[in-house]
Amino acid sequence: MGRALAALIVVGTDTMEKKRSFVNADDMKQALYDSGKVVLYGLDFDTDKDVVKPESQPALSEIAKLFGSDPSLRVHRTY
């Protein structure tokens, strides 16, 4: 049984704006199986808060689709 690992890396807005692109569930799954990781943009939080902004909903929906399609996936945060 294969395993996939997801890592969360926080970047500054200047870097994020240059590379930002929407990734759908199928692309996420392919990236995970190809390289073992996927870079996600579009998960925005209020400054100094743990509140996800409403404009993050499309990315969150795609993440939910990904996990719904493969229950063996797990999330791991790295520093």
PDB file of N, CA and C in Angstrom:
ATOM      1  N   MET A   1       0.846  -1.172   0.000  1.00  0.00           N
ATOM      2  CA  MET A   1       0.000   0.000   0.000  1.00  0.00           C
ATOM      3  C   MET A   1       0.894   1.238   0.000  1.00  0.00           C
ATOM      4  N   GLY A   2       0.695   2.125  -0.973  1.00  0.00           N
ATOM      5  CA  GLY A   2       1.458   3.365  -1.049  1.00  0.00           C
ATOM      6  C   GLY A   2       0.941   4.387  -0.070  1.00  0.00           C
ATOM      7  N   ARG A   3       1.794   5.284   0.292  1.00  0.00           N
ATOM      8  CA  ARG A   3       1.404   6.357   1.199  1.00  0.00           C
ATOM      9  C   ARG A   3       1.747   7.686   0.558  1.00  0.00           C
ATOM     10  N   ALA A   4       0.957   8.675   0.828  1.00  0.00           N
ATOM     11  CA  ALA A   4       1.222  10.031   0.354  1.00  0.00           C
ATOM     12  C   ALA A   4       1.359  10.933   1.556  1.00  0.00           C
ATOM     13  N   LEU A   5       2.156  11.954   1.434  1.00  0.00           N
ATOM     14  CA  LEU A   5       2.418  12.883   2.514  1.00  0.00           C
ATOM     15  C   LEU A   5       2.152  14.289   2.026  1.00  0.00           C
ATOM     16  N   ALA A   6       1.446  15.076   2.789  1.00  0.00           N
ATOM     17  CA  ALA A   6       1.199  16.471   2.447  1.00  0.00           C
ATOM     18  C   ALA A   6       1.941  17.342   3.453  1.00  0.00           C
ATOM     19  N   ALA A   7       2.629  18.359   2.973  1.00  0.00           N
ATOM     20  CA  ALA A   7       3.371  19.271   3.837  1.00  0.00           C
ATOM     21  C   ALA A   7       2.812  20.675   3.686  1.00  0.00           C
ATOM     22  N   LEU A   8       2.786  21.436   4.754  1.00  0.00           N
ATOM     23  CA  LEU A   8       2.321  22.807   4.748  1.00  0.00           C
ATOM     24  C   LEU A   8       3.518  23.715   4.916  1.00  0.00           C
ATOM     25  N   ILE A   9       3.760  24.566   3.920  1.00  0.00           N
ATOM     26  CA  ILE A   9       4.863  25.516   3.972  1.00  0.00           C
ATOM     27  C   ILE A   9       4.271  26.907   3.783  1.00  0.00           C
ATOM     28  N   VAL A  10       4.530  27.797   4.707  1.00  0.00           N
ATOM     29  CA  VAL A  10       3.994  29.149   4.647  1.00  0.00           C
ATOM     30  C   VAL A  10       5.005  30.045   3.945  1.00  0.00           C
ATOM     31  N   VAL A  11       4.521  30.830   2.962  1.00  0.00           N
ATOM     32  CA  VAL A  11       5.387  31.739   2.227  1.00  0.00           C
ATOM     33  C   VAL A  11       4.859  33.156   2.352  1.00  0.00           C
ATOM     34  N   GLY A  12       5.737  34.131   2.138  1.00  0.00           N
ATOM     35  CA  GLY A  12       5.342  35.532   2.172  1.00  0.00           C
ATOM     36  C   GLY A  12       4.514  35.891   0.948  1.00  0.00           C
ATOM     37  N   THR A  13       3.742  36.958   1.043  1.00  0.00           N
ATOM     38  CA  THR A  13       2.843  37.337  -0.048  1.00  0.00           C
ATOM     39  C   THR A  13       3.590  37.721  -1.317  1.00  0.00           C
ATOM     40  N   ASP A  14       4.780  38.291  -1.225  1.00  0.00           N
ATOM     41  CA  ASP A  14       5.513  38.671  -2.433  1.00  0.00           C
ATOM     42  C   ASP A  14       5.849  37.444  -3.271  1.00  0.00           C
ATOM     43  N   THR A  15       6.293  36.376  -2.643  1.00  0.00           N
ATOM     44  CA  THR A  15       6.582  35.128  -3.347  1.00  0.00           C
ATOM     45  C   THR A  15       5.301  34.474  -3.825  1.00  0.00           C
ATOM     46  N   MET A  16       4.292  34.494  -2.996  1.00  0.00           N
ATOM     47  CA  MET A  16       3.041  33.835  -3.318  1.00  0.00           C
ATOM     48  C   MET A  16       2.398  34.438  -4.556  1.00  0.00           C
ATOM     49  N   GLU A  17       2.378  35.753  -4.675  1.00  0.00           N
ATOM     50  CA  GLU A  17       1.721  36.399  -5.801  1.00  0.00           C
ATOM     51  C   GLU A  17       2.396  36.058  -7.122  1.00  0.00           C
ATOM     52  N   LYS A  18       3.700  35.822  -7.118  1.00  0.00           N
ATOM     53  CA  LYS A  18       4.424  35.493  -8.336  1.00  0.00           C
ATOM     54  C   LYS A  18       4.099  34.087  -8.833  1.00  0.00           C
ATOM     55  N   LYS A  19       3.816  33.148  -7.931  1.00  0.00           N
ATOM     56  CA  LYS A  19       3.657  31.747  -8.287  1.00  0.00           C
ATOM     57  C   LYS A  19       2.236  31.226  -8.144  1.00  0.00           C
ATOM     58  N   ARG A  20       1.313  32.024  -7.737  1.00  0.00           N
ATOM     59  CA  ARG A  20      -0.023  31.581  -7.372  1.00  0.00           C
ATOM     60  C   ARG A  20      -0.786  31.013  -8.560  1.00  0.00           C
ATOM     61  N   SER A  21      -1.277  29.797  -8.400  1.00  0.00           N
ATOM     62  CA  SER A  21      -2.153  29.198  -9.399  1.00  0.00           C
ATOM     63  C   SER A  21      -3.065  28.190  -8.700  1.00  0.00           C
ATOM     64  N   PHE A  22      -4.281  28.062  -9.204  1.00  0.00           N
ATOM     65  CA  PHE A  22      -5.260  27.166  -8.608  1.00  0.00           C
ATOM     66  C   PHE A  22      -4.959  25.735  -9.026  1.00  0.00           C
ATOM     67  N   VAL A  23      -5.029  24.811  -8.084  1.00  0.00           N
ATOM     68  CA  VAL A  23      -4.776  23.399  -8.364  1.00  0.00           C
ATOM     69  C   VAL A  23      -6.036  22.625  -7.991  1.00  0.00           C
ATOM     70  N   ASN A  24      -6.568  21.855  -8.957  1.00  0.00           N
ATOM     71  CA  ASN A  24      -7.769  21.081  -8.645  1.00  0.00           C
ATOM     72  C   ASN A  24      -7.384  19.729  -8.033  1.00  0.00           C
ATOM     73  N   ALA A  25      -8.383  18.998  -7.567  1.00  0.00           N
ATOM     74  CA  ALA A  25      -8.155  17.730  -6.850  1.00  0.00           C
ATOM     75  C   ALA A  25      -7.387  16.722  -7.693  1.00  0.00           C
ATOM     76  N   ASP A  26      -7.720  16.615  -8.967  1.00  0.00           N
ATOM     77  CA  ASP A  26      -7.024  15.663  -9.830  1.00  0.00           C
ATOM     78  C   ASP A  26      -5.546  16.024  -9.995  1.00  0.00           C
ATOM     79  N   ASP A  27      -5.272  17.326 -10.158  1.00  0.00           N
ATOM     80  CA  ASP A  27      -3.877  17.768 -10.275  1.00  0.00           C
ATOM     81  C   ASP A  27      -3.110  17.537  -8.979  1.00  0.00           C
ATOM     82  N   MET A  28      -3.781  17.757  -7.834  1.00  0.00           N
ATOM     83  CA  MET A  28      -3.147  17.507  -6.542  1.00  0.00           C
ATOM     84  C   MET A  28      -2.770  16.036  -6.413  1.00  0.00           C
ATOM     85  N   LYS A  29      -3.710  15.173  -6.766  1.00  0.00           N
ATOM     86  CA  LYS A  29      -3.475  13.734  -6.649  1.00  0.00           C
ATOM     87  C   LYS A  29      -2.311  13.312  -7.541  1.00  0.00           C
ATOM     88  N   GLN A  30      -2.280  13.817  -8.765  1.00  0.00           N
ATOM     89  CA  GLN A  30      -1.200  13.468  -9.680  1.00  0.00           C
ATOM     90  C   GLN A  30       0.145  13.951  -9.141  1.00  0.00           C
ATOM     91  N   ALA A  31       0.182  15.185  -8.614  1.00  0.00           N
ATOM     92  CA  ALA A  31       1.427  15.718  -8.049  1.00  0.00           C
ATOM     93  C   ALA A  31       1.893  14.888  -6.863  1.00  0.00           C
ATOM     94  N   LEU A  32       0.965  14.465  -6.010  1.00  0.00           N
ATOM     95  CA  LEU A  32       1.326  13.646  -4.860  1.00  0.00           C
ATOM     96  C   LEU A  32       1.938  12.324  -5.284  1.00  0.00           C
ATOM     97  N   TYR A  33       1.361  11.707  -6.288  1.00  0.00           N
ATOM     98  CA  TYR A  33       1.879  10.412  -6.727  1.00  0.00           C
ATOM     99  C   TYR A  33       3.148  10.560  -7.563  1.00  0.00           C
ATOM    100  N   ASP A  34       3.298  11.680  -8.275  1.00  0.00           N
ATOM    101  CA  ASP A  34       4.509  11.902  -9.074  1.00  0.00           C
ATOM    102  C   ASP A  34       5.711  12.280  -8.216  1.00  0.00           C
ATOM    103  N   SER A  35       5.496  13.218  -7.284  1.00  0.00           N
ATOM    104  CA  SER A  35       6.632  13.758  -6.531  1.00  0.00           C
ATOM    105  C   SER A  35       6.506  13.616  -5.020  1.00  0.00           C
ATOM    106  N   GLY A  36       5.344  13.165  -4.545  1.00  0.00           N
ATOM    107  CA  GLY A  36       5.148  13.021  -3.102  1.00  0.00           C
ATOM    108  C   GLY A  36       4.778  14.307  -2.406  1.00  0.00           C
ATOM    109  N   LYS A  37       4.526  15.365  -3.192  1.00  0.00           N
ATOM    110  CA  LYS A  37       4.138  16.643  -2.582  1.00  0.00           C
ATOM    111  C   LYS A  37       3.307  17.451  -3.566  1.00  0.00           C
ATOM    112  N   VAL A  38       2.588  18.407  -3.027  1.00  0.00           N
ATOM    113  CA  VAL A  38       1.821  19.334  -3.858  1.00  0.00           C
ATOM    114  C   VAL A  38       1.896  20.705  -3.191  1.00  0.00           C
ATOM    115  N   VAL A  39       2.077  21.731  -4.002  1.00  0.00           N
ATOM    116  CA  VAL A  39       2.114  23.103  -3.505  1.00  0.00           C
ATOM    117  C   VAL A  39       0.746  23.715  -3.754  1.00  0.00           C
ATOM    118  N   LEU A  40       0.144  24.232  -2.705  1.00  0.00           N
ATOM    119  CA  LEU A  40      -1.191  24.811  -2.808  1.00  0.00           C
ATOM    120  C   LEU A  40      -1.155  26.293  -2.491  1.00  0.00           C
ATOM    121  N   TYR A  41      -1.835  27.043  -3.296  1.00  0.00           N
ATOM    122  CA  TYR A  41      -2.046  28.463  -3.050  1.00  0.00           C
ATOM    123  C   TYR A  41      -3.542  28.677  -2.951  1.00  0.00           C
ATOM    124  N   GLY A  42      -3.943  29.761  -2.363  1.00  0.00           N
ATOM    125  CA  GLY A  42      -5.359  30.045  -2.246  1.00  0.00           C
ATOM    126  C   GLY A  42      -5.939  29.717  -0.891  1.00  0.00           C
ATOM    127  N   LEU A  43      -5.077  29.347   0.055  1.00  0.00           N
ATOM    128  CA  LEU A  43      -5.517  29.157   1.439  1.00  0.00           C
ATOM    129  C   LEU A  43      -5.071  30.393   2.204  1.00  0.00           C
ATOM    130  N   ASP A  44      -5.987  31.335   2.348  1.00  0.00           N
ATOM    131  CA  ASP A  44      -5.657  32.628   2.935  1.00  0.00           C
ATOM    132  C   ASP A  44      -6.260  32.768   4.326  1.00  0.00           C
ATOM    133  N   PHE A  45      -5.463  33.348   5.220  1.00  0.00           N
ATOM    134  CA  PHE A  45      -5.874  33.557   6.608  1.00  0.00           C
ATOM    135  C   PHE A  45      -5.815  35.043   6.926  1.00  0.00           C
ATOM    136  N   ASP A  46      -6.630  35.466   7.883  1.00  0.00           N
ATOM    137  CA  ASP A  46      -6.515  36.819   8.396  1.00  0.00           C
ATOM    138  C   ASP A  46      -5.168  36.962   9.085  1.00  0.00           C
ATOM    139  N   THR A  47      -4.572  38.128   8.996  1.00  0.00           N
ATOM    140  CA  THR A  47      -3.269  38.370   9.598  1.00  0.00           C
ATOM    141  C   THR A  47      -3.299  38.116  11.102  1.00  0.00           C
ATOM    142  N   ASP A  48      -2.330  37.334  11.557  1.00  0.00           N
ATOM    143  CA  ASP A  48      -2.172  37.014  12.977  1.00  0.00           C
ATOM    144  C   ASP A  48      -3.385  36.294  13.578  1.00  0.00           C
ATOM    145  N   LYS A  49      -4.139  35.585  12.743  1.00  0.00           N
ATOM    146  CA  LYS A  49      -5.307  34.851  13.219  1.00  0.00           C
ATOM    147  C   LYS A  49      -5.341  33.477  12.574  1.00  0.00           C
ATOM    148  N   ASP A  50      -6.122  32.588  13.172  1.00  0.00           N
ATOM    149  CA  ASP A  50      -6.292  31.256  12.606  1.00  0.00           C
ATOM    150  C   ASP A  50      -7.615  31.139  11.849  1.00  0.00           C
ATOM    151  N   VAL A  51      -8.118  32.268  11.379  1.00  0.00           N
ATOM    152  CA  VAL A  51      -9.391  32.317  10.667  1.00  0.00           C
ATOM    153  C   VAL A  51      -9.126  32.259   9.161  1.00  0.00           C
ATOM    154  N   VAL A  52      -9.689  31.245   8.509  1.00  0.00           N
ATOM    155  CA  VAL A  52      -9.539  31.106   7.061  1.00  0.00           C
ATOM    156  C   VAL A  52     -10.485  32.094   6.386  1.00  0.00           C
ATOM    157  N   LYS A  53      -9.961  32.818   5.407  1.00  0.00           N
ATOM    158  CA  LYS A  53     -10.778  33.796   4.689  1.00  0.00           C
ATOM    159  C   LYS A  53     -11.754  33.083   3.753  1.00  0.00           C
ATOM    160  N   PRO A  54     -12.925  33.692   3.519  1.00  0.00           N
ATOM    161  CA  PRO A  54     -13.936  33.073   2.657  1.00  0.00           C
ATOM    162  C   PRO A  54     -13.431  32.776   1.242  1.00  0.00           C
ATOM    163  N   GLU A  55     -12.521  33.568   0.723  1.00  0.00           N
ATOM    164  CA  GLU A  55     -12.008  33.350  -0.631  1.00  0.00           C
ATOM    165  C   GLU A  55     -11.154  32.077  -0.740  1.00  0.00           C
ATOM    166  N   SER A  56     -10.906  31.415   0.383  1.00  0.00           N
ATOM    167  CA  SER A  56     -10.176  30.144   0.392  1.00  0.00           C
ATOM    168  C   SER A  56     -11.075  28.956   0.067  1.00  0.00           C
ATOM    169  N   GLN A  57     -12.370  29.182  -0.006  1.00  0.00           N
ATOM    170  CA  GLN A  57     -13.329  28.080  -0.182  1.00  0.00           C
ATOM    171  C   GLN A  57     -13.068  27.219  -1.420  1.00  0.00           C
ATOM    172  N   PRO A  58     -12.748  27.780  -2.587  1.00  0.00           N
ATOM    173  CA  PRO A  58     -12.492  26.906  -3.743  1.00  0.00           C
ATOM    174  C   PRO A  58     -11.337  25.924  -3.505  1.00  0.00           C
ATOM    175  N   ALA A  59     -10.247  26.396  -2.919  1.00  0.00           N
ATOM    176  CA  ALA A  59      -9.106  25.508  -2.642  1.00  0.00           C
ATOM    177  C   ALA A  59      -9.487  24.459  -1.598  1.00  0.00           C
ATOM    178  N   LEU A  60     -10.208  24.861  -0.559  1.00  0.00           N
ATOM    179  CA  LEU A  60     -10.635  23.914   0.472  1.00  0.00           C
ATOM    180  C   LEU A  60     -11.567  22.845  -0.110  1.00  0.00           C
ATOM    181  N   SER A  61     -12.426  23.238  -1.023  1.00  0.00           N
ATOM    182  CA  SER A  61     -13.327  22.276  -1.665  1.00  0.00           C
ATOM    183  C   SER A  61     -12.549  21.243  -2.467  1.00  0.00           C
ATOM    184  N   GLU A  62     -11.509  21.677  -3.166  1.00  0.00           N
ATOM    185  CA  GLU A  62     -10.689  20.741  -3.942  1.00  0.00           C
ATOM    186  C   GLU A  62      -9.902  19.800  -3.025  1.00  0.00           C
ATOM    187  N   ILE A  63      -9.423  20.319  -1.901  1.00  0.00           N
ATOM    188  CA  ILE A  63      -8.725  19.469  -0.930  1.00  0.00           C
ATOM    189  C   ILE A  63      -9.691  18.414  -0.384  1.00  0.00           C
ATOM    190  N   ALA A  64     -10.922  18.820  -0.094  1.00  0.00           N
ATOM    191  CA  ALA A  64     -11.932  17.875   0.394  1.00  0.00           C
ATOM    192  C   ALA A  64     -12.213  16.800  -0.653  1.00  0.00           C
ATOM    193  N   LYS A  65     -12.295  17.188  -1.916  1.00  0.00           N
ATOM    194  CA  LYS A  65     -12.497  16.212  -2.992  1.00  0.00           C
ATOM    195  C   LYS A  65     -11.341  15.219  -3.033  1.00  0.00           C
ATOM    196  N   LEU A  66     -10.118  15.733  -2.889  1.00  0.00           N
ATOM    197  CA  LEU A  66      -8.938  14.868  -2.920  1.00  0.00           C
ATOM    198  C   LEU A  66      -8.995  13.834  -1.800  1.00  0.00           C
ATOM    199  N   PHE A  67      -9.238  14.277  -0.579  1.00  0.00           N
ATOM    200  CA  PHE A  67      -9.297  13.346   0.547  1.00  0.00           C
ATOM    201  C   PHE A  67     -10.486  12.403   0.435  1.00  0.00           C
ATOM    202  N   GLY A  68     -11.585  12.870  -0.147  1.00  0.00           N
ATOM    203  CA  GLY A  68     -12.741  12.010  -0.355  1.00  0.00           C
ATOM    204  C   GLY A  68     -12.477  10.915  -1.376  1.00  0.00           C
ATOM    205  N   SER A  69     -11.596  11.207  -2.335  1.00  0.00           N
ATOM    206  CA  SER A  69     -11.293  10.231  -3.379  1.00  0.00           C
ATOM    207  C   SER A  69     -10.273   9.187  -2.934  1.00  0.00           C
ATOM    208  N   ASP A  70      -9.517   9.489  -1.879  1.00  0.00           N
ATOM    209  CA  ASP A  70      -8.475   8.560  -1.415  1.00  0.00           C
ATOM    210  C   ASP A  70      -8.327   8.675   0.101  1.00  0.00           C
ATOM    211  N   PRO A  71      -9.134   7.910   0.856  1.00  0.00           N
ATOM    212  CA  PRO A  71      -9.120   7.999   2.324  1.00  0.00           C
ATOM    213  C   PRO A  71      -7.781   7.625   2.962  1.00  0.00           C
ATOM    214  N   SER A  72      -6.859   7.039   2.200  1.00  0.00           N
ATOM    215  CA  SER A  72      -5.562   6.666   2.781  1.00  0.00           C
ATOM    216  C   SER A  72      -4.620   7.857   2.893  1.00  0.00           C
ATOM    217  N   LEU A  73      -4.959   8.986   2.277  1.00  0.00           N
ATOM    218  CA  LEU A  73      -4.092  10.170   2.344  1.00  0.00           C
ATOM    219  C   LEU A  73      -4.059  10.746   3.752  1.00  0.00           C
ATOM    220  N   ARG A  74      -2.913  11.253   4.151  1.00  0.00           N
ATOM    221  CA  ARG A  74      -2.733  11.885   5.457  1.00  0.00           C
ATOM    222  C   ARG A  74      -1.996  13.206   5.256  1.00  0.00           C
ATOM    223  N   VAL A  75      -2.214  14.147   6.158  1.00  0.00           N
ATOM    224  CA  VAL A  75      -1.547  15.439   6.114  1.00  0.00           C
ATOM    225  C   VAL A  75      -0.441  15.465   7.134  1.00  0.00           C
ATOM    226  N   HIS A  76       0.702  15.998   6.734  1.00  0.00           N
ATOM    227  CA  HIS A  76       1.829  16.173   7.645  1.00  0.00           C
ATOM    228  C   HIS A  76       2.380  17.569   7.422  1.00  0.00           C
ATOM    229  N   ARG A  77       2.500  18.327   8.484  1.00  0.00           N
ATOM    230  CA  ARG A  77       3.011  19.682   8.397  1.00  0.00           C
ATOM    231  C   ARG A  77       4.481  19.677   8.721  1.00  0.00           C
ATOM    232  N   THR A  78       5.275  20.357   7.904  1.00  0.00           N
ATOM    233  CA  THR A  78       6.704  20.480   8.166  1.00  0.00           C
ATOM    234  C   THR A  78       7.022  21.930   8.486  1.00  0.00           C
ATOM    235  N   TYR A  79       8.144  22.136   9.133  1.00  0.00           N
ATOM    236  CA  TYR A  79       8.574  23.504   9.477  1.00  0.00           C
ATOM    237  C   TYR A  79       9.763  23.883   8.663  1.00  0.00           C
TER     238      TYR A  79
END
